[in-house]
Amino acid sequence: MEIYQPSEDSYLMSKILKEKIPKIKKLNSKLKFLEIGAGSGINLETVFNLGIKKENIFSCDINKDSVNYCKKLGFNCVHSDLFQNIKGSYDIIIFNPPYLPYDKNEPKDSRTSTTGGKRGNEIIIKFLKQAKFHLKKD
């Protein structure tokens, strides 16, 4: 399985982080950050470059190659299907989810990165239902 490479949506997420993180850091300098589906680690690198310490940056991916790659970059990353192996609570949780409907013609290896379920929104719904248990209240 290949690592999900950054594309337009990845760069948009990185741009938004660059806009929002400095403002949020003014309110809380010790932000705990979690990315579900870290892929190539582009967003982990972005928040690190914005001053969030590596010990406060956490991530996971369903793709073991991505997990190993992010670990080589020096980030905390675990193999997990959404929040399955995630403990604790975080100030910021991001996810660039797969959102396309199931397509039987799509290669099986790429479905994990692109297919969000039969209708395309099942993974997003599952994420939203679970995220509230890991998001800090304040």
C-alpha atoms as a PDB file:
ATOM      1  CA  MET A   1       0.000   0.000   0.000  1.00  0.00           C
ATOM      2  CA  GLU A   2       1.356   3.418  -0.909  1.00  0.00           C
ATOM      3  CA  ILE A   3       1.402   6.486   1.310  1.00  0.00           C
ATOM      4  CA  TYR A   4      -1.289   9.022   0.449  1.00  0.00           C
ATOM      5  CA  GLN A   5       0.530  11.862  -1.276  1.00  0.00           C
ATOM      6  CA  PRO A   6      -0.504  15.478  -0.696  1.00  0.00           C
ATOM      7  CA  SER A   7      -3.009  16.866  -3.176  1.00  0.00           C
ATOM      8  CA  GLU A   8      -5.207  19.965  -3.385  1.00  0.00           C
ATOM      9  CA  ASP A   9      -7.212  19.063  -0.284  1.00  0.00           C
ATOM     10  CA  SER A  10      -4.006  18.452   1.692  1.00  0.00           C
ATOM     11  CA  TYR A  11      -2.619  21.846   0.726  1.00  0.00           C
ATOM     12  CA  LEU A  12      -5.917  23.524   1.606  1.00  0.00           C
ATOM     13  CA  MET A  13      -5.839  21.928   5.076  1.00  0.00           C
ATOM     14  CA  SER A  14      -2.241  23.080   5.531  1.00  0.00           C
ATOM     15  CA  LYS A  15      -3.199  26.615   4.484  1.00  0.00           C
ATOM     16  CA  ILE A  16      -6.068  26.702   6.996  1.00  0.00           C
ATOM     17  CA  LEU A  17      -3.773  25.438   9.763  1.00  0.00           C
ATOM     18  CA  LYS A  18      -1.304  28.225   8.951  1.00  0.00           C
ATOM     19  CA  GLU A  19      -4.128  30.756   9.311  1.00  0.00           C
ATOM     20  CA  LYS A  20      -5.749  29.356  12.471  1.00  0.00           C
ATOM     21  CA  ILE A  21      -3.016  27.793  14.636  1.00  0.00           C
ATOM     22  CA  PRO A  22      -1.201  31.074  15.478  1.00  0.00           C
ATOM     23  CA  LYS A  23      -4.495  32.583  16.688  1.00  0.00           C
ATOM     24  CA  ILE A  24      -5.397  29.519  18.739  1.00  0.00           C
ATOM     25  CA  LYS A  25      -1.871  29.332  20.217  1.00  0.00           C
ATOM     26  CA  LYS A  26      -2.371  32.817  21.674  1.00  0.00           C
ATOM     27  CA  LEU A  27      -5.190  31.346  23.770  1.00  0.00           C
ATOM     28  CA  ASN A  28      -3.425  28.066  24.572  1.00  0.00           C
ATOM     29  CA  SER A  29       0.322  27.760  24.097  1.00  0.00           C
ATOM     30  CA  LYS A  30       0.324  24.043  24.980  1.00  0.00           C
ATOM     31  CA  LEU A  31      -2.040  22.781  22.306  1.00  0.00           C
ATOM     32  CA  LYS A  32      -2.459  19.021  21.939  1.00  0.00           C
ATOM     33  CA  PHE A  33      -2.966  18.254  18.267  1.00  0.00           C
ATOM     34  CA  LEU A  34      -4.270  15.037  16.676  1.00  0.00           C
ATOM     35  CA  GLU A  35      -4.507  14.144  13.024  1.00  0.00           C
ATOM     36  CA  ILE A  36      -6.520  11.135  11.971  1.00  0.00           C
ATOM     37  CA  GLY A  37      -5.157   9.790   8.696  1.00  0.00           C
ATOM     38  CA  ALA A  38      -1.716  11.406   8.758  1.00  0.00           C
ATOM     39  CA  GLY A  39      -0.706  10.159   5.305  1.00  0.00           C
ATOM     40  CA  SER A  40       2.588  11.777   4.301  1.00  0.00           C
ATOM     41  CA  GLY A  41       2.722  13.889   7.464  1.00  0.00           C
ATOM     42  CA  ILE A  42       2.279  17.220   5.661  1.00  0.00           C
ATOM     43  CA  ASN A  43      -0.056  18.590   8.353  1.00  0.00           C
ATOM     44  CA  LEU A  44       2.130  17.284  11.166  1.00  0.00           C
ATOM     45  CA  GLU A  45       5.069  19.164   9.663  1.00  0.00           C
ATOM     46  CA  THR A  46       2.898  22.270   9.246  1.00  0.00           C
ATOM     47  CA  VAL A  47       1.823  22.444  12.895  1.00  0.00           C
ATOM     48  CA  PHE A  48       5.351  21.643  14.074  1.00  0.00           C
ATOM     49  CA  ASN A  49       6.680  24.525  11.961  1.00  0.00           C
ATOM     50  CA  LEU A  50       4.014  26.731  13.574  1.00  0.00           C
ATOM     51  CA  GLY A  51       5.485  26.037  17.010  1.00  0.00           C
ATOM     52  CA  ILE A  52       3.541  23.082  18.381  1.00  0.00           C
ATOM     53  CA  LYS A  53       6.046  20.810  20.103  1.00  0.00           C
ATOM     54  CA  LYS A  54       6.434  17.278  18.759  1.00  0.00           C
ATOM     55  CA  GLU A  55       5.465  15.830  22.143  1.00  0.00           C
ATOM     56  CA  ASN A  56       2.061  17.530  21.681  1.00  0.00           C
ATOM     57  CA  ILE A  57       1.548  16.330  18.104  1.00  0.00           C
ATOM     58  CA  PHE A  58      -0.175  12.971  17.725  1.00  0.00           C
ATOM     59  CA  SER A  59      -1.414  11.088  14.696  1.00  0.00           C
ATOM     60  CA  CYS A  60      -2.656   7.811  13.356  1.00  0.00           C
ATOM     61  CA  ASP A  61      -3.269   6.134  10.047  1.00  0.00           C
ATOM     62  CA  ILE A  62      -4.870   2.917   8.876  1.00  0.00           C
ATOM     63  CA  ASN A  63      -1.931   2.501   6.484  1.00  0.00           C
ATOM     64  CA  LYS A  64       1.081   0.975   8.264  1.00  0.00           C
ATOM     65  CA  ASP A  65       3.452   2.485   5.686  1.00  0.00           C
ATOM     66  CA  SER A  66       2.175   5.959   6.597  1.00  0.00           C
ATOM     67  CA  VAL A  67       2.584   5.208  10.297  1.00  0.00           C
ATOM     68  CA  ASN A  68       6.199   4.147   9.768  1.00  0.00           C
ATOM     69  CA  TYR A  69       6.904   7.162   7.560  1.00  0.00           C
ATOM     70  CA  CYS A  70       5.518   9.640  10.105  1.00  0.00           C
ATOM     71  CA  LYS A  71       7.515   7.934  12.851  1.00  0.00           C
ATOM     72  CA  LYS A  72      10.677   8.363  10.750  1.00  0.00           C
ATOM     73  CA  LEU A  73       9.851  12.082  10.617  1.00  0.00           C
ATOM     74  CA  GLY A  74       9.893  12.013  14.432  1.00  0.00           C
ATOM     75  CA  PHE A  75       6.152  12.238  15.086  1.00  0.00           C
ATOM     76  CA  ASN A  76       3.981  10.180  17.439  1.00  0.00           C
ATOM     77  CA  CYS A  77       1.952   7.979  15.109  1.00  0.00           C
ATOM     78  CA  VAL A  78       0.024   4.760  15.732  1.00  0.00           C
ATOM     79  CA  HIS A  79      -1.718   2.292  13.484  1.00  0.00           C
ATOM     80  CA  SER A  80      -5.426   2.874  13.978  1.00  0.00           C
ATOM     81  CA  ASP A  81      -8.773   2.788  12.217  1.00  0.00           C
ATOM     82  CA  LEU A  82     -10.043   6.248  13.196  1.00  0.00           C
ATOM     83  CA  PHE A  83      -9.964   6.452  17.027  1.00  0.00           C
ATOM     84  CA  GLN A  84      -9.648   2.700  17.660  1.00  0.00           C
ATOM     85  CA  ASN A  85      -6.139   2.965  19.188  1.00  0.00           C
ATOM     86  CA  ILE A  86      -6.273   6.618  20.267  1.00  0.00           C
ATOM     87  CA  LYS A  87      -6.217   7.546  23.931  1.00  0.00           C
ATOM     88  CA  GLY A  88      -6.587  10.920  25.596  1.00  0.00           C
ATOM     89  CA  SER A  89      -8.158  14.202  24.588  1.00  0.00           C
ATOM     90  CA  TYR A  90      -6.955  16.918  22.254  1.00  0.00           C
ATOM     91  CA  ASP A  91      -7.446  20.627  21.658  1.00  0.00           C
ATOM     92  CA  ILE A  92      -7.484  20.222  17.884  1.00  0.00           C
ATOM     93  CA  ILE A  93      -8.435  17.150  15.863  1.00  0.00           C
ATOM     94  CA  ILE A  94      -8.240  17.190  12.085  1.00  0.00           C
ATOM     95  CA  PHE A  95      -9.091  14.615   9.442  1.00  0.00           C
ATOM     96  CA  ASN A  96      -8.920  14.778   5.667  1.00  0.00           C
ATOM     97  CA  PRO A  97     -11.329  11.898   5.129  1.00  0.00           C
ATOM     98  CA  PRO A  98     -11.909   9.739   2.103  1.00  0.00           C
ATOM     99  CA  TYR A  99     -15.239  10.899   0.697  1.00  0.00           C
ATOM    100  CA  LEU A 100     -15.887   9.201  -2.619  1.00  0.00           C
ATOM    101  CA  PRO A 101     -18.648   6.606  -2.943  1.00  0.00           C
ATOM    102  CA  TYR A 102     -17.579   2.989  -3.393  1.00  0.00           C
ATOM    103  CA  ASP A 103     -16.543   2.192  -6.960  1.00  0.00           C
ATOM    104  CA  LYS A 104     -15.994  -1.475  -7.750  1.00  0.00           C
ATOM    105  CA  ASN A 105     -13.634  -0.463 -10.582  1.00  0.00           C
ATOM    106  CA  GLU A 106     -11.249   1.388  -8.281  1.00  0.00           C
ATOM    107  CA  PRO A 107      -8.126  -0.595  -7.365  1.00  0.00           C
ATOM    108  CA  LYS A 108      -8.415  -2.110  -3.898  1.00  0.00           C
ATOM    109  CA  ASP A 109      -5.137  -0.525  -2.703  1.00  0.00           C
ATOM    110  CA  SER A 110      -6.341   3.023  -3.362  1.00  0.00           C
ATOM    111  CA  ARG A 111      -9.823   2.610  -1.838  1.00  0.00           C
ATOM    112  CA  THR A 112      -8.554   3.187   1.713  1.00  0.00           C
ATOM    113  CA  SER A 113      -7.432   6.688   0.723  1.00  0.00           C
ATOM    114  CA  THR A 114     -10.402   7.639  -1.428  1.00  0.00           C
ATOM    115  CA  THR A 115     -13.535   5.655  -0.598  1.00  0.00           C
ATOM    116  CA  GLY A 116     -15.707   6.885   2.253  1.00  0.00           C
ATOM    117  CA  GLY A 117     -18.131   3.983   2.118  1.00  0.00           C
ATOM    118  CA  LYS A 118     -21.007   2.918  -0.091  1.00  0.00           C
ATOM    119  CA  ARG A 119     -22.420   6.461  -0.260  1.00  0.00           C
ATOM    120  CA  GLY A 120     -19.130   8.231   0.451  1.00  0.00           C
ATOM    121  CA  ASN A 121     -20.032   9.744   3.822  1.00  0.00           C
ATOM    122  CA  GLU A 122     -19.970   6.750   6.154  1.00  0.00           C
ATOM    123  CA  ILE A 123     -16.399   7.285   7.370  1.00  0.00           C
ATOM    124  CA  ILE A 124     -17.042  10.998   7.949  1.00  0.00           C
ATOM    125  CA  ILE A 125     -20.136  10.189  10.033  1.00  0.00           C
ATOM    126  CA  LYS A 126     -18.233   7.575  12.045  1.00  0.00           C
ATOM    127  CA  PHE A 127     -15.423  10.098  12.677  1.00  0.00           C
ATOM    128  CA  LEU A 128     -17.837  12.794  13.870  1.00  0.00           C
ATOM    129  CA  LYS A 129     -19.583  10.394  16.256  1.00  0.00           C
ATOM    130  CA  GLN A 130     -16.257   9.332  17.814  1.00  0.00           C
ATOM    131  CA  ALA A 131     -14.408  12.681  17.815  1.00  0.00           C
ATOM    132  CA  LYS A 132     -16.512  14.171  20.614  1.00  0.00           C
ATOM    133  CA  PHE A 133     -15.037  11.630  23.046  1.00  0.00           C
ATOM    134  CA  HIS A 134     -11.480  12.819  22.286  1.00  0.00           C
ATOM    135  CA  LEU A 135     -11.964  16.567  21.985  1.00  0.00           C
ATOM    136  CA  LYS A 136     -11.160  18.659  25.055  1.00  0.00           C
ATOM    137  CA  LYS A 137     -14.141  20.533  26.417  1.00  0.00           C
ATOM    138  CA  ASP A 138     -12.449  23.920  26.785  1.00  0.00           C
END
